[in-house]
Amino acid sequence: MLGPNVLSPEELSLLGATYDLVVDSLPSRMRTPRNRRQVALNLLYLTRRGERDPLELELGAAAGLTC
């Protein structure tokens, strides 16, 4: 992280790729606006906590999704 609220281009790229991977892996009925938002919020939360491991980000991003 460049600062408390600033992400580097590499971090943004990692978040974007992880977001796409998680959303694309969901069954179509779960690709709701609510779940897409939750994936994004989860990724931002994990990143602010310092997580950078792609697998941990992927697993954490999918937490709390509903059908």
PDB file of N, CA and C in Angstrom:
ATOM      1  N   MET A   1       0.839  -1.193   0.000  1.00  0.00           N
ATOM      2  CA  MET A   1       0.000   0.000   0.000  1.00  0.00           C
ATOM      3  C   MET A   1       0.875   1.244   0.000  1.00  0.00           C
ATOM      4  N   LEU A   2       0.471   2.217  -0.723  1.00  0.00           N
ATOM      5  CA  LEU A   2       1.197   3.476  -0.762  1.00  0.00           C
ATOM      6  C   LEU A   2       0.873   4.345   0.440  1.00  0.00           C
ATOM      7  N   GLY A   3      -0.291   4.211   0.968  1.00  0.00           N
ATOM      8  CA  GLY A   3      -0.752   4.964   2.127  1.00  0.00           C
ATOM      9  C   GLY A   3      -1.958   4.249   2.681  1.00  0.00           C
ATOM     10  N   PRO A   4      -2.544   4.779   3.739  1.00  0.00           N
ATOM     11  CA  PRO A   4      -3.668   4.075   4.357  1.00  0.00           C
ATOM     12  C   PRO A   4      -4.875   3.901   3.433  1.00  0.00           C
ATOM     13  N   ASN A   5      -5.045   4.775   2.484  1.00  0.00           N
ATOM     14  CA  ASN A   5      -6.207   4.686   1.590  1.00  0.00           C
ATOM     15  C   ASN A   5      -5.821   4.716   0.120  1.00  0.00           C
ATOM     16  N   VAL A   6      -4.551   4.409  -0.174  1.00  0.00           N
ATOM     17  CA  VAL A   6      -4.065   4.466  -1.550  1.00  0.00           C
ATOM     18  C   VAL A   6      -3.483   3.107  -1.930  1.00  0.00           C
ATOM     19  N   LEU A   7      -3.935   2.565  -3.046  1.00  0.00           N
ATOM     20  CA  LEU A   7      -3.432   1.286  -3.537  1.00  0.00           C
ATOM     21  C   LEU A   7      -2.521   1.516  -4.732  1.00  0.00           C
ATOM     22  N   SER A   8      -1.490   0.703  -4.833  1.00  0.00           N
ATOM     23  CA  SER A   8      -0.575   0.793  -5.971  1.00  0.00           C
ATOM     24  C   SER A   8      -1.243   0.200  -7.213  1.00  0.00           C
ATOM     25  N   PRO A   9      -0.718   0.492  -8.391  1.00  0.00           N
ATOM     26  CA  PRO A   9      -1.275  -0.106  -9.604  1.00  0.00           C
ATOM     27  C   PRO A   9      -1.261  -1.641  -9.558  1.00  0.00           C
ATOM     28  N   GLU A  10      -0.217  -2.218  -8.982  1.00  0.00           N
ATOM     29  CA  GLU A  10      -0.136  -3.675  -8.869  1.00  0.00           C
ATOM     30  C   GLU A  10      -1.232  -4.217  -7.963  1.00  0.00           C
ATOM     31  N   GLU A  11      -1.484  -3.523  -6.865  1.00  0.00           N
ATOM     32  CA  GLU A  11      -2.539  -3.949  -5.943  1.00  0.00           C
ATOM     33  C   GLU A  11      -3.917  -3.840  -6.599  1.00  0.00           C
ATOM     34  N   LEU A  12      -4.142  -2.768  -7.327  1.00  0.00           N
ATOM     35  CA  LEU A  12      -5.415  -2.612  -8.034  1.00  0.00           C
ATOM     36  C   LEU A  12      -5.604  -3.706  -9.077  1.00  0.00           C
ATOM     37  N   SER A  13      -4.529  -4.052  -9.759  1.00  0.00           N
ATOM     38  CA  SER A  13      -4.592  -5.124 -10.746  1.00  0.00           C
ATOM     39  C   SER A  13      -4.924  -6.457 -10.080  1.00  0.00           C
ATOM     40  N   LEU A  14      -4.298  -6.737  -8.942  1.00  0.00           N
ATOM     41  CA  LEU A  14      -4.572  -7.961  -8.192  1.00  0.00           C
ATOM     42  C   LEU A  14      -6.023  -7.998  -7.728  1.00  0.00           C
ATOM     43  N   LEU A  15      -6.515  -6.887  -7.213  1.00  0.00           N
ATOM     44  CA  LEU A  15      -7.907  -6.835  -6.755  1.00  0.00           C
ATOM     45  C   LEU A  15      -8.880  -7.038  -7.914  1.00  0.00           C
ATOM     46  N   GLY A  16      -8.617  -6.400  -9.032  1.00  0.00           N
ATOM     47  CA  GLY A  16      -9.490  -6.543 -10.196  1.00  0.00           C
ATOM     48  C   GLY A  16      -9.522  -7.972 -10.709  1.00  0.00           C
ATOM     49  N   ALA A  17      -8.354  -8.587 -10.793  1.00  0.00           N
ATOM     50  CA  ALA A  17      -8.285  -9.970 -11.268  1.00  0.00           C
ATOM     51  C   ALA A  17      -8.982 -10.916 -10.298  1.00  0.00           C
ATOM     52  N   THR A  18      -8.791 -10.689  -9.012  1.00  0.00           N
ATOM     53  CA  THR A  18      -9.428 -11.541  -8.006  1.00  0.00           C
ATOM     54  C   THR A  18     -10.936 -11.356  -8.031  1.00  0.00           C
ATOM     55  N   TYR A  19     -11.387 -10.119  -8.142  1.00  0.00           N
ATOM     56  CA  TYR A  19     -12.826  -9.843  -8.229  1.00  0.00           C
ATOM     57  C   TYR A  19     -13.431 -10.600  -9.413  1.00  0.00           C
ATOM     58  N   ASP A  20     -12.818 -10.468 -10.579  1.00  0.00           N
ATOM     59  CA  ASP A  20     -13.331 -11.141 -11.776  1.00  0.00           C
ATOM     60  C   ASP A  20     -13.346 -12.653 -11.595  1.00  0.00           C
ATOM     61  N   LEU A  21     -12.290 -13.198 -11.021  1.00  0.00           N
ATOM     62  CA  LEU A  21     -12.203 -14.638 -10.811  1.00  0.00           C
ATOM     63  C   LEU A  21     -13.313 -15.135  -9.894  1.00  0.00           C
ATOM     64  N   VAL A  22     -13.518 -14.430  -8.784  1.00  0.00           N
ATOM     65  CA  VAL A  22     -14.538 -14.850  -7.821  1.00  0.00           C
ATOM     66  C   VAL A  22     -15.933 -14.732  -8.426  1.00  0.00           C
ATOM     67  N   VAL A  23     -16.242 -13.599  -9.028  1.00  0.00           N
ATOM     68  CA  VAL A  23     -17.579 -13.404  -9.604  1.00  0.00           C
ATOM     69  C   VAL A  23     -17.828 -14.404 -10.735  1.00  0.00           C
ATOM     70  N   ASP A  24     -16.836 -14.621 -11.585  1.00  0.00           N
ATOM     71  CA  ASP A  24     -17.002 -15.565 -12.696  1.00  0.00           C
ATOM     72  C   ASP A  24     -17.172 -17.001 -12.215  1.00  0.00           C
ATOM     73  N   SER A  25     -16.653 -17.315 -11.033  1.00  0.00           N
ATOM     74  CA  SER A  25     -16.757 -18.682 -10.516  1.00  0.00           C
ATOM     75  C   SER A  25     -18.094 -18.951  -9.824  1.00  0.00           C
ATOM     76  N   LEU A  26     -18.867 -17.904  -9.584  1.00  0.00           N
ATOM     77  CA  LEU A  26     -20.165 -18.078  -8.931  1.00  0.00           C
ATOM     78  C   LEU A  26     -21.190 -18.652  -9.904  1.00  0.00           C
ATOM     79  N   PRO A  27     -22.105 -19.468  -9.395  1.00  0.00           N
ATOM     80  CA  PRO A  27     -23.226 -19.880 -10.249  1.00  0.00           C
ATOM     81  C   PRO A  27     -24.001 -18.631 -10.679  1.00  0.00           C
ATOM     82  N   SER A  28     -24.607 -18.680 -11.841  1.00  0.00           N
ATOM     83  CA  SER A  28     -25.272 -17.487 -12.380  1.00  0.00           C
ATOM     84  C   SER A  28     -26.315 -16.907 -11.426  1.00  0.00           C
ATOM     85  N   ARG A  29     -27.019 -17.743 -10.688  1.00  0.00           N
ATOM     86  CA  ARG A  29     -28.052 -17.235  -9.771  1.00  0.00           C
ATOM     87  C   ARG A  29     -27.450 -16.446  -8.605  1.00  0.00           C
ATOM     88  N   MET A  30     -26.140 -16.625  -8.368  1.00  0.00           N
ATOM     89  CA  MET A  30     -25.485 -15.906  -7.269  1.00  0.00           C
ATOM     90  C   MET A  30     -24.760 -14.645  -7.737  1.00  0.00           C
ATOM     91  N   ARG A  31     -24.776 -14.370  -9.019  1.00  0.00           N
ATOM     92  CA  ARG A  31     -24.103 -13.172  -9.548  1.00  0.00           C
ATOM     93  C   ARG A  31     -25.024 -11.962  -9.455  1.00  0.00           C
ATOM     94  N   THR A  32     -25.526 -11.740  -8.276  1.00  0.00           N
ATOM     95  CA  THR A  32     -26.447 -10.635  -8.033  1.00  0.00           C
ATOM     96  C   THR A  32     -25.665  -9.363  -7.724  1.00  0.00           C
ATOM     97  N   PRO A  33     -26.292  -8.208  -7.883  1.00  0.00           N
ATOM     98  CA  PRO A  33     -25.623  -6.966  -7.499  1.00  0.00           C
ATOM     99  C   PRO A  33     -25.164  -6.991  -6.033  1.00  0.00           C
ATOM    100  N   ARG A  34     -25.986  -7.570  -5.173  1.00  0.00           N
ATOM    101  CA  ARG A  34     -25.615  -7.639  -3.752  1.00  0.00           C
ATOM    102  C   ARG A  34     -24.339  -8.463  -3.551  1.00  0.00           C
ATOM    103  N   ASN A  35     -24.253  -9.614  -4.194  1.00  0.00           N
ATOM    104  CA  ASN A  35     -23.066 -10.448  -4.039  1.00  0.00           C
ATOM    105  C   ASN A  35     -21.841  -9.819  -4.689  1.00  0.00           C
ATOM    106  N   ARG A  36     -22.020  -9.169  -5.825  1.00  0.00           N
ATOM    107  CA  ARG A  36     -20.893  -8.472  -6.464  1.00  0.00           C
ATOM    108  C   ARG A  36     -20.359  -7.376  -5.539  1.00  0.00           C
ATOM    109  N   ARG A  37     -21.264  -6.669  -4.910  1.00  0.00           N
ATOM    110  CA  ARG A  37     -20.865  -5.619  -3.963  1.00  0.00           C
ATOM    111  C   ARG A  37     -20.139  -6.233  -2.775  1.00  0.00           C
ATOM    112  N   GLN A  38     -20.652  -7.352  -2.269  1.00  0.00           N
ATOM    113  CA  GLN A  38     -20.026  -7.998  -1.118  1.00  0.00           C
ATOM    114  C   GLN A  38     -18.616  -8.487  -1.449  1.00  0.00           C
ATOM    115  N   VAL A  39     -18.432  -9.027  -2.638  1.00  0.00           N
ATOM    116  CA  VAL A  39     -17.100  -9.454  -3.070  1.00  0.00           C
ATOM    117  C   VAL A  39     -16.147  -8.256  -3.061  1.00  0.00           C
ATOM    118  N   ALA A  40     -16.580  -7.144  -3.625  1.00  0.00           N
ATOM    119  CA  ALA A  40     -15.743  -5.941  -3.666  1.00  0.00           C
ATOM    120  C   ALA A  40     -15.420  -5.440  -2.262  1.00  0.00           C
ATOM    121  N   LEU A  41     -16.422  -5.385  -1.398  1.00  0.00           N
ATOM    122  CA  LEU A  41     -16.187  -4.924  -0.026  1.00  0.00           C
ATOM    123  C   LEU A  41     -15.244  -5.856   0.720  1.00  0.00           C
ATOM    124  N   ASN A  42     -15.427  -7.158   0.541  1.00  0.00           N
ATOM    125  CA  ASN A  42     -14.534  -8.119   1.190  1.00  0.00           C
ATOM    126  C   ASN A  42     -13.092  -7.927   0.730  1.00  0.00           C
ATOM    127  N   LEU A  43     -12.903  -7.721  -0.563  1.00  0.00           N
ATOM    128  CA  LEU A  43     -11.555  -7.513  -1.083  1.00  0.00           C
ATOM    129  C   LEU A  43     -10.922  -6.246  -0.515  1.00  0.00           C
ATOM    130  N   LEU A  44     -11.686  -5.183  -0.454  1.00  0.00           N
ATOM    131  CA  LEU A  44     -11.151  -3.938   0.106  1.00  0.00           C
ATOM    132  C   LEU A  44     -10.804  -4.105   1.575  1.00  0.00           C
ATOM    133  N   TYR A  45     -11.658  -4.779   2.322  1.00  0.00           N
ATOM    134  CA  TYR A  45     -11.400  -5.026   3.742  1.00  0.00           C
ATOM    135  C   TYR A  45     -10.112  -5.834   3.929  1.00  0.00           C
ATOM    136  N   LEU A  46      -9.980  -6.913   3.176  1.00  0.00           N
ATOM    137  CA  LEU A  46      -8.793  -7.756   3.298  1.00  0.00           C
ATOM    138  C   LEU A  46      -7.528  -6.997   2.916  1.00  0.00           C
ATOM    139  N   THR A  47      -7.618  -6.206   1.866  1.00  0.00           N
ATOM    140  CA  THR A  47      -6.462  -5.436   1.415  1.00  0.00           C
ATOM    141  C   THR A  47      -6.047  -4.404   2.457  1.00  0.00           C
ATOM    142  N   ARG A  48      -7.012  -3.746   3.068  1.00  0.00           N
ATOM    143  CA  ARG A  48      -6.691  -2.757   4.110  1.00  0.00           C
ATOM    144  C   ARG A  48      -6.050  -3.413   5.320  1.00  0.00           C
ATOM    145  N   ARG A  49      -6.348  -4.696   5.541  1.00  0.00           N
ATOM    146  CA  ARG A  49      -5.716  -5.441   6.631  1.00  0.00           C
ATOM    147  C   ARG A  49      -4.327  -5.946   6.248  1.00  0.00           C
ATOM    148  N   GLY A  50      -3.960  -5.766   4.985  1.00  0.00           N
ATOM    149  CA  GLY A  50      -2.620  -6.135   4.543  1.00  0.00           C
ATOM    150  C   GLY A  50      -2.515  -7.444   3.779  1.00  0.00           C
ATOM    151  N   GLU A  51      -3.640  -8.079   3.511  1.00  0.00           N
ATOM    152  CA  GLU A  51      -3.600  -9.361   2.796  1.00  0.00           C
ATOM    153  C   GLU A  51      -3.229  -9.142   1.333  1.00  0.00           C
ATOM    154  N   ARG A  52      -2.275  -9.948   0.829  1.00  0.00           N
ATOM    155  CA  ARG A  52      -1.872  -9.859  -0.574  1.00  0.00           C
ATOM    156  C   ARG A  52      -1.803 -11.228  -1.241  1.00  0.00           C
ATOM    157  N   ASP A  53      -1.967 -12.289  -0.464  1.00  0.00           N
ATOM    158  CA  ASP A  53      -1.915 -13.636  -1.023  1.00  0.00           C
ATOM    159  C   ASP A  53      -3.148 -13.857  -1.901  1.00  0.00           C
ATOM    160  N   PRO A  54      -2.950 -14.164  -3.189  1.00  0.00           N
ATOM    161  CA  PRO A  54      -4.096 -14.308  -4.095  1.00  0.00           C
ATOM    162  C   PRO A  54      -5.122 -15.345  -3.638  1.00  0.00           C
ATOM    163  N   LEU A  55      -4.667 -16.471  -3.111  1.00  0.00           N
ATOM    164  CA  LEU A  55      -5.605 -17.500  -2.664  1.00  0.00           C
ATOM    165  C   LEU A  55      -6.405 -17.030  -1.456  1.00  0.00           C
ATOM    166  N   GLU A  56      -5.740 -16.389  -0.516  1.00  0.00           N
ATOM    167  CA  GLU A  56      -6.445 -15.860   0.660  1.00  0.00           C
ATOM    168  C   GLU A  56      -7.447 -14.788   0.258  1.00  0.00           C
ATOM    169  N   LEU A  57      -7.070 -13.951  -0.693  1.00  0.00           N
ATOM    170  CA  LEU A  57      -7.998 -12.924  -1.177  1.00  0.00           C
ATOM    171  C   LEU A  57      -9.209 -13.565  -1.847  1.00  0.00           C
ATOM    172  N   GLU A  58      -8.956 -14.596  -2.651  1.00  0.00           N
ATOM    173  CA  GLU A  58     -10.057 -15.275  -3.343  1.00  0.00           C
ATOM    174  C   GLU A  58     -11.018 -15.914  -2.345  1.00  0.00           C
ATOM    175  N   LEU A  59     -10.470 -16.619  -1.369  1.00  0.00           N
ATOM    176  CA  LEU A  59     -11.319 -17.275  -0.368  1.00  0.00           C
ATOM    177  C   LEU A  59     -12.076 -16.254   0.472  1.00  0.00           C
ATOM    178  N   GLY A  60     -11.389 -15.215   0.896  1.00  0.00           N
ATOM    179  CA  GLY A  60     -12.023 -14.192   1.721  1.00  0.00           C
ATOM    180  C   GLY A  60     -13.065 -13.388   0.970  1.00  0.00           C
ATOM    181  N   ALA A  61     -12.840 -13.193  -0.320  1.00  0.00           N
ATOM    182  CA  ALA A  61     -13.781 -12.407  -1.124  1.00  0.00           C
ATOM    183  C   ALA A  61     -15.129 -13.095  -1.238  1.00  0.00           C
ATOM    184  N   ALA A  62     -15.129 -14.417  -1.190  1.00  0.00           N
ATOM    185  CA  ALA A  62     -16.371 -15.178  -1.351  1.00  0.00           C
ATOM    186  C   ALA A  62     -17.117 -15.373  -0.036  1.00  0.00           C
ATOM    187  N   ALA A  63     -16.558 -14.906   1.058  1.00  0.00           N
ATOM    188  CA  ALA A  63     -17.194 -15.104   2.364  1.00  0.00           C
ATOM    189  C   ALA A  63     -18.479 -14.294   2.478  1.00  0.00           C
ATOM    190  N   GLY A  64     -19.509 -14.904   3.028  1.00  0.00           N
ATOM    191  CA  GLY A  64     -20.750 -14.199   3.320  1.00  0.00           C
ATOM    192  C   GLY A  64     -21.687 -13.988   2.154  1.00  0.00           C
ATOM    193  N   LEU A  65     -21.478 -14.695   1.056  1.00  0.00           N
ATOM    194  CA  LEU A  65     -22.366 -14.526  -0.094  1.00  0.00           C
ATOM    195  C   LEU A  65     -23.649 -15.324   0.112  1.00  0.00           C
ATOM    196  N   THR A  66     -24.740 -14.818  -0.449  1.00  0.00           N
ATOM    197  CA  THR A  66     -26.035 -15.480  -0.304  1.00  0.00           C
ATOM    198  C   THR A  66     -26.597 -15.864  -1.668  1.00  0.00           C
ATOM    199  N   CYS A  67     -27.491 -16.836  -1.647  1.00  0.00           N
ATOM    200  CA  CYS A  67     -28.122 -17.301  -2.899  1.00  0.00           C
ATOM    201  C   CYS A  67     -29.144 -16.351  -3.386  1.00  0.00           C
TER     202      CYS A  67
END
